[in-house]
Amino acid sequence: MNTYITGSTIKKLREAKGLTQLQLANEIGVTAKAVSKWETAKGLPDITLIEPLSQALGVSVMELMSGETVVNRNASSNMIFSKFYVCPVCGNIVHTTGEAVISCCGITLPPLEAEETDDEHTVSIEDVEDEKFITVHHEMSKNHFISFLAYVTTDRIRFVKLYPEGNAEIRMLFRGRGYLYIYCNRHGLMKKRV
């Protein structure tokens, strides 16, 4: 991601919107010469113009800053296409059902890529009444722990936050086939088909 808006991004978005430099300039209250300077990398828009510029170009501020337009290709909102984001600063966990531009603590977060569970992160699942008792065989120290478990099917998600020095075990109701996601603060996101 670019740390600030680039001229090529402004030009690409302006042209996609079908605006001339003068039309864009008039919409946000600057001169066409200012827009030309931005697009040729001879200047940058003032921070106070970021929001009006994003509105004039028809994108969010985050899309304008990243230079990437978010397109929702998840028309049916199938939960299986869920994405997870974790902030490395505050530990905030964000879940989306499709593509998104997520920012936390001033950082644009990439979606986590899930790997299959490995030998260090083995999972046992036992039947207990009408639920499943899930145990992740993993240490739960302050420096190395499982942060959350999530069970995702096509139409729902069940999410449980875990904390250091607790137990990496939960009871959860499973309905249908899906994926169990496990997030380790050191090794990232893993999944297991259940």
C-alpha atoms as a PDB file:
ATOM      1  CA  MET A   1       0.000   0.000   0.000  1.00  0.00           C
ATOM      2  CA  ASN A   2       1.168   3.532  -0.715  1.00  0.00           C
ATOM      3  CA  THR A   3       1.658   5.685   2.350  1.00  0.00           C
ATOM      4  CA  TYR A   4      -0.159   8.566   0.654  1.00  0.00           C
ATOM      5  CA  ILE A   5      -2.250   9.099  -2.442  1.00  0.00           C
ATOM      6  CA  THR A   6      -0.322   8.850  -5.709  1.00  0.00           C
ATOM      7  CA  GLY A   7      -0.956  10.885  -8.814  1.00  0.00           C
ATOM      8  CA  SER A   8      -1.525   7.755 -10.875  1.00  0.00           C
ATOM      9  CA  THR A   9      -4.287   6.691  -8.462  1.00  0.00           C
ATOM     10  CA  ILE A  10      -6.031  10.066  -8.749  1.00  0.00           C
ATOM     11  CA  LYS A  11      -5.755   9.997 -12.539  1.00  0.00           C
ATOM     12  CA  LYS A  12      -7.003   6.406 -12.817  1.00  0.00           C
ATOM     13  CA  LEU A  13     -10.007   7.069 -10.565  1.00  0.00           C
ATOM     14  CA  ARG A  14     -10.782  10.408 -12.249  1.00  0.00           C
ATOM     15  CA  GLU A  15     -10.744   8.826 -15.706  1.00  0.00           C
ATOM     16  CA  ALA A  16     -12.834   5.860 -14.521  1.00  0.00           C
ATOM     17  CA  LYS A  17     -15.412   8.352 -13.229  1.00  0.00           C
ATOM     18  CA  GLY A  18     -15.363  10.152 -16.614  1.00  0.00           C
ATOM     19  CA  LEU A  19     -14.231  13.491 -15.178  1.00  0.00           C
ATOM     20  CA  THR A  20     -11.846  16.020 -16.668  1.00  0.00           C
ATOM     21  CA  GLN A  21      -9.246  17.638 -14.449  1.00  0.00           C
ATOM     22  CA  LEU A  22     -11.328  20.838 -14.493  1.00  0.00           C
ATOM     23  CA  GLN A  23     -14.525  19.006 -13.486  1.00  0.00           C
ATOM     24  CA  LEU A  24     -12.767  17.293 -10.584  1.00  0.00           C
ATOM     25  CA  ALA A  25     -11.162  20.575  -9.536  1.00  0.00           C
ATOM     26  CA  ASN A  26     -14.564  22.322  -9.530  1.00  0.00           C
ATOM     27  CA  GLU A  27     -16.123  19.554  -7.412  1.00  0.00           C
ATOM     28  CA  ILE A  28     -13.560  19.885  -4.641  1.00  0.00           C
ATOM     29  CA  GLY A  29     -12.845  23.625  -4.853  1.00  0.00           C
ATOM     30  CA  VAL A  30      -9.311  23.705  -6.288  1.00  0.00           C
ATOM     31  CA  THR A  31      -7.842  24.700  -9.644  1.00  0.00           C
ATOM     32  CA  ALA A  32      -7.344  22.366 -12.599  1.00  0.00           C
ATOM     33  CA  LYS A  33      -3.636  23.220 -12.320  1.00  0.00           C
ATOM     34  CA  ALA A  34      -3.608  21.721  -8.776  1.00  0.00           C
ATOM     35  CA  VAL A  35      -5.168  18.472 -10.053  1.00  0.00           C
ATOM     36  CA  SER A  36      -2.623  18.381 -12.886  1.00  0.00           C
ATOM     37  CA  LYS A  37       0.236  18.786 -10.373  1.00  0.00           C
ATOM     38  CA  TRP A  38      -1.117  15.906  -8.277  1.00  0.00           C
ATOM     39  CA  GLU A  39      -1.433  13.621 -11.303  1.00  0.00           C
ATOM     40  CA  THR A  40       2.098  14.384 -12.522  1.00  0.00           C
ATOM     41  CA  ALA A  41       3.608  13.867  -9.038  1.00  0.00           C
ATOM     42  CA  LYS A  42       4.610  17.536  -8.739  1.00  0.00           C
ATOM     43  CA  GLY A  43       2.472  18.038  -5.666  1.00  0.00           C
ATOM     44  CA  LEU A  44       0.126  16.331  -3.224  1.00  0.00           C
ATOM     45  CA  PRO A  45      -3.414  17.184  -2.174  1.00  0.00           C
ATOM     46  CA  ASP A  46      -3.746  18.829   1.232  1.00  0.00           C
ATOM     47  CA  ILE A  47      -4.944  16.483   3.977  1.00  0.00           C
ATOM     48  CA  THR A  48      -8.178  18.514   4.264  1.00  0.00           C
ATOM     49  CA  LEU A  49      -8.993  17.555   0.658  1.00  0.00           C
ATOM     50  CA  ILE A  50      -8.772  13.777   1.155  1.00  0.00           C
ATOM     51  CA  GLU A  51     -12.423  13.264   2.095  1.00  0.00           C
ATOM     52  CA  PRO A  52     -13.873  15.605  -0.587  1.00  0.00           C
ATOM     53  CA  LEU A  53     -11.532  14.024  -3.146  1.00  0.00           C
ATOM     54  CA  SER A  54     -12.661  10.498  -2.245  1.00  0.00           C
ATOM     55  CA  GLN A  55     -16.317  11.569  -2.468  1.00  0.00           C
ATOM     56  CA  ALA A  56     -15.788  13.243  -5.842  1.00  0.00           C
ATOM     57  CA  LEU A  57     -14.053  10.116  -7.160  1.00  0.00           C
ATOM     58  CA  GLY A  58     -16.743   7.812  -5.723  1.00  0.00           C
ATOM     59  CA  VAL A  59     -14.471   5.732  -3.471  1.00  0.00           C
ATOM     60  CA  SER A  60     -13.834   5.441   0.258  1.00  0.00           C
ATOM     61  CA  VAL A  61     -10.894   7.251   1.845  1.00  0.00           C
ATOM     62  CA  MET A  62      -9.171   3.890   2.382  1.00  0.00           C
ATOM     63  CA  GLU A  63      -9.643   2.943  -1.285  1.00  0.00           C
ATOM     64  CA  LEU A  64      -8.215   6.303  -2.318  1.00  0.00           C
ATOM     65  CA  MET A  65      -5.230   5.881   0.017  1.00  0.00           C
ATOM     66  CA  SER A  66      -4.508   2.282  -1.052  1.00  0.00           C
ATOM     67  CA  GLY A  67      -5.165   2.833  -4.740  1.00  0.00           C
ATOM     68  CA  GLU A  68      -7.245  -0.343  -4.807  1.00  0.00           C
ATOM     69  CA  THR A  69     -10.980  -0.265  -5.365  1.00  0.00           C
ATOM     70  CA  VAL A  70     -12.935  -2.782  -3.338  1.00  0.00           C
ATOM     71  CA  VAL A  71     -15.358  -4.825  -5.412  1.00  0.00           C
ATOM     72  CA  ASN A  72     -17.754  -7.138  -3.609  1.00  0.00           C
ATOM     73  CA  ARG A  73     -17.550 -10.390  -5.551  1.00  0.00           C
ATOM     74  CA  ASN A  74     -19.331 -12.239  -2.777  1.00  0.00           C
ATOM     75  CA  ALA A  75     -22.830 -11.637  -4.105  1.00  0.00           C
ATOM     76  CA  SER A  76     -24.476 -14.388  -2.095  1.00  0.00           C
ATOM     77  CA  SER A  77     -22.703 -13.471   1.178  1.00  0.00           C
ATOM     78  CA  ASN A  78     -21.637 -17.077   1.667  1.00  0.00           C
ATOM     79  CA  MET A  79     -19.918 -17.170   5.062  1.00  0.00           C
ATOM     80  CA  ILE A  80     -17.415 -19.752   3.770  1.00  0.00           C
ATOM     81  CA  PHE A  81     -15.664 -16.828   2.031  1.00  0.00           C
ATOM     82  CA  SER A  82     -15.020 -15.153   5.399  1.00  0.00           C
ATOM     83  CA  LYS A  83     -11.859 -13.127   5.917  1.00  0.00           C
ATOM     84  CA  PHE A  84     -10.160 -12.473   9.256  1.00  0.00           C
ATOM     85  CA  TYR A  85      -7.945  -9.506  10.115  1.00  0.00           C
ATOM     86  CA  VAL A  86      -5.900  -9.057  13.318  1.00  0.00           C
ATOM     87  CA  CYS A  87      -4.316  -5.751  14.345  1.00  0.00           C
ATOM     88  CA  PRO A  88      -0.671  -6.268  15.394  1.00  0.00           C
ATOM     89  CA  VAL A  89      -0.850  -3.194  17.659  1.00  0.00           C
ATOM     90  CA  CYS A  90      -4.005  -3.647  19.756  1.00  0.00           C
ATOM     91  CA  GLY A  91      -5.009  -7.234  18.889  1.00  0.00           C
ATOM     92  CA  ASN A  92      -8.400  -6.170  17.519  1.00  0.00           C
ATOM     93  CA  ILE A  93     -10.010  -8.967  15.477  1.00  0.00           C
ATOM     94  CA  VAL A  94     -12.159  -8.099  12.467  1.00  0.00           C
ATOM     95  CA  HIS A  95     -14.305 -10.528  10.478  1.00  0.00           C
ATOM     96  CA  THR A  96     -15.744  -9.812   7.029  1.00  0.00           C
ATOM     97  CA  THR A  97     -17.810 -11.927   4.663  1.00  0.00           C
ATOM     98  CA  GLY A  98     -15.885 -10.771   1.614  1.00  0.00           C
ATOM     99  CA  GLU A  99     -13.246  -8.353   0.370  1.00  0.00           C
ATOM    100  CA  ALA A 100     -12.770  -5.181   2.417  1.00  0.00           C
ATOM    101  CA  VAL A 101     -10.225  -2.519   3.208  1.00  0.00           C
ATOM    102  CA  ILE A 102      -9.721  -2.746   6.976  1.00  0.00           C
ATOM    103  CA  SER A 103      -7.665  -0.296   9.007  1.00  0.00           C
ATOM    104  CA  CYS A 104      -6.886  -0.343  12.729  1.00  0.00           C
ATOM    105  CA  CYS A 105      -4.447   1.756  14.774  1.00  0.00           C
ATOM    106  CA  GLY A 106      -3.454   3.587  11.574  1.00  0.00           C
ATOM    107  CA  ILE A 107      -2.443   0.391   9.774  1.00  0.00           C
ATOM    108  CA  THR A 108      -4.184  -1.143   6.768  1.00  0.00           C
ATOM    109  CA  LEU A 109      -4.586  -4.797   7.663  1.00  0.00           C
ATOM    110  CA  PRO A 110      -4.133  -7.586   5.127  1.00  0.00           C
ATOM    111  CA  PRO A 111      -6.567 -10.514   5.280  1.00  0.00           C
ATOM    112  CA  LEU A 112      -5.040 -13.498   7.036  1.00  0.00           C
ATOM    113  CA  GLU A 113      -4.276 -16.511   4.858  1.00  0.00           C
ATOM    114  CA  ALA A 114      -5.256 -19.770   6.568  1.00  0.00           C
ATOM    115  CA  GLU A 115      -2.898 -22.749   6.464  1.00  0.00           C
ATOM    116  CA  GLU A 116      -3.957 -26.290   7.322  1.00  0.00           C
ATOM    117  CA  THR A 117      -3.389 -27.178  10.981  1.00  0.00           C
ATOM    118  CA  ASP A 118       0.041 -28.635  11.690  1.00  0.00           C
ATOM    119  CA  ASP A 119       1.716 -30.845  14.331  1.00  0.00           C
ATOM    120  CA  GLU A 120       2.225 -27.868  16.673  1.00  0.00           C
ATOM    121  CA  HIS A 121      -1.483 -27.003  16.544  1.00  0.00           C
ATOM    122  CA  THR A 122      -3.332 -30.295  16.804  1.00  0.00           C
ATOM    123  CA  VAL A 123      -7.038 -30.224  17.515  1.00  0.00           C
ATOM    124  CA  SER A 124      -9.246 -32.833  19.162  1.00  0.00           C
ATOM    125  CA  ILE A 125     -13.007 -32.711  18.869  1.00  0.00           C
ATOM    126  CA  GLU A 126     -15.239 -34.780  21.137  1.00  0.00           C
ATOM    127  CA  ASP A 127     -19.025 -35.087  21.322  1.00  0.00           C
ATOM    128  CA  VAL A 128     -20.478 -33.691  24.567  1.00  0.00           C
ATOM    129  CA  GLU A 129     -24.284 -33.789  24.658  1.00  0.00           C
ATOM    130  CA  ASP A 130     -25.426 -31.867  21.540  1.00  0.00           C
ATOM    131  CA  GLU A 131     -22.195 -29.852  21.301  1.00  0.00           C
ATOM    132  CA  LYS A 132     -18.569 -30.445  20.446  1.00  0.00           C
ATOM    133  CA  PHE A 133     -15.760 -30.071  22.973  1.00  0.00           C
ATOM    134  CA  ILE A 134     -12.780 -28.653  21.096  1.00  0.00           C
ATOM    135  CA  THR A 135      -9.257 -28.735  22.494  1.00  0.00           C
ATOM    136  CA  VAL A 136      -6.269 -27.169  20.778  1.00  0.00           C
ATOM    137  CA  HIS A 137      -3.120 -28.807  22.124  1.00  0.00           C
ATOM    138  CA  HIS A 138      -1.075 -25.659  22.436  1.00  0.00           C
ATOM    139  CA  GLU A 139       0.605 -23.624  25.148  1.00  0.00           C
ATOM    140  CA  MET A 140      -1.291 -20.598  26.453  1.00  0.00           C
ATOM    141  CA  SER A 141       1.501 -18.404  27.839  1.00  0.00           C
ATOM    142  CA  LYS A 142       1.557 -14.604  27.683  1.00  0.00           C
ATOM    143  CA  ASN A 143       3.932 -14.746  24.710  1.00  0.00           C
ATOM    144  CA  HIS A 144       2.513 -17.675  22.742  1.00  0.00           C
ATOM    145  CA  PHE A 145      -1.188 -18.468  22.724  1.00  0.00           C
ATOM    146  CA  ILE A 146      -4.309 -19.214  20.725  1.00  0.00           C
ATOM    147  CA  SER A 147      -6.235 -15.953  20.372  1.00  0.00           C
ATOM    148  CA  PHE A 148      -9.514 -17.179  18.894  1.00  0.00           C
ATOM    149  CA  LEU A 149     -11.440 -20.100  17.428  1.00  0.00           C
ATOM    150  CA  ALA A 150     -14.150 -19.660  14.806  1.00  0.00           C
ATOM    151  CA  TYR A 151     -16.409 -22.235  13.214  1.00  0.00           C
ATOM    152  CA  VAL A 152     -17.618 -21.123   9.778  1.00  0.00           C
ATOM    153  CA  THR A 153     -20.306 -22.747   7.627  1.00  0.00           C
ATOM    154  CA  THR A 154     -22.077 -21.418   4.543  1.00  0.00           C
ATOM    155  CA  ASP A 155     -24.653 -19.501   6.596  1.00  0.00           C
ATOM    156  CA  ARG A 156     -23.134 -18.755  10.012  1.00  0.00           C
ATOM    157  CA  ILE A 157     -20.067 -18.146  12.098  1.00  0.00           C
ATOM    158  CA  ARG A 158     -19.488 -19.020  15.735  1.00  0.00           C
ATOM    159  CA  PHE A 159     -16.602 -17.117  17.238  1.00  0.00           C
ATOM    160  CA  VAL A 160     -14.883 -17.571  20.629  1.00  0.00           C
ATOM    161  CA  LYS A 161     -12.114 -15.299  21.943  1.00  0.00           C
ATOM    162  CA  LEU A 162      -9.427 -16.977  24.087  1.00  0.00           C
ATOM    163  CA  TYR A 163      -6.924 -15.337  26.415  1.00  0.00           C
ATOM    164  CA  PRO A 164      -3.329 -16.061  27.477  1.00  0.00           C
ATOM    165  CA  GLU A 165      -2.929 -18.256  30.548  1.00  0.00           C
ATOM    166  CA  GLY A 166      -6.419 -19.694  29.989  1.00  0.00           C
ATOM    167  CA  ASN A 167      -7.278 -23.018  28.399  1.00  0.00           C
ATOM    168  CA  ALA A 168      -7.333 -23.569  24.644  1.00  0.00           C
ATOM    169  CA  GLU A 169     -10.628 -25.444  24.851  1.00  0.00           C
ATOM    170  CA  ILE A 170     -14.246 -24.565  24.192  1.00  0.00           C
ATOM    171  CA  ARG A 171     -17.696 -26.087  23.786  1.00  0.00           C
ATOM    172  CA  MET A 172     -19.461 -25.200  20.574  1.00  0.00           C
ATOM    173  CA  LEU A 173     -22.551 -26.247  18.676  1.00  0.00           C
ATOM    174  CA  PHE A 174     -21.750 -27.519  15.185  1.00  0.00           C
ATOM    175  CA  ARG A 175     -24.408 -27.525  12.487  1.00  0.00           C
ATOM    176  CA  GLY A 176     -23.461 -28.656   9.012  1.00  0.00           C
ATOM    177  CA  ARG A 177     -20.039 -28.974   7.461  1.00  0.00           C
ATOM    178  CA  GLY A 178     -17.564 -26.142   7.678  1.00  0.00           C
ATOM    179  CA  TYR A 179     -14.135 -25.018   8.780  1.00  0.00           C
ATOM    180  CA  LEU A 180     -12.697 -24.525  12.235  1.00  0.00           C
ATOM    181  CA  TYR A 181     -10.307 -21.538  12.225  1.00  0.00           C
ATOM    182  CA  ILE A 182      -7.605 -21.261  14.859  1.00  0.00           C
ATOM    183  CA  TYR A 183      -5.478 -18.148  15.308  1.00  0.00           C
ATOM    184  CA  CYS A 184      -2.069 -18.469  16.990  1.00  0.00           C
ATOM    185  CA  ASN A 185      -0.417 -15.149  17.854  1.00  0.00           C
ATOM    186  CA  ARG A 186       2.946 -16.437  16.526  1.00  0.00           C
ATOM    187  CA  HIS A 187       2.023 -18.756  13.656  1.00  0.00           C
ATOM    188  CA  GLY A 188      -1.053 -17.034  12.271  1.00  0.00           C
ATOM    189  CA  LEU A 189      -4.351 -18.436  11.032  1.00  0.00           C
ATOM    190  CA  MET A 190      -4.944 -22.136  10.534  1.00  0.00           C
ATOM    191  CA  LYS A 191      -8.016 -24.091   9.525  1.00  0.00           C
ATOM    192  CA  LYS A 192      -9.352 -27.612   9.799  1.00  0.00           C
ATOM    193  CA  ARG A 193     -12.248 -29.044   7.786  1.00  0.00           C
ATOM    194  CA  VAL A 194     -14.948 -30.436  10.128  1.00  0.00           C
END
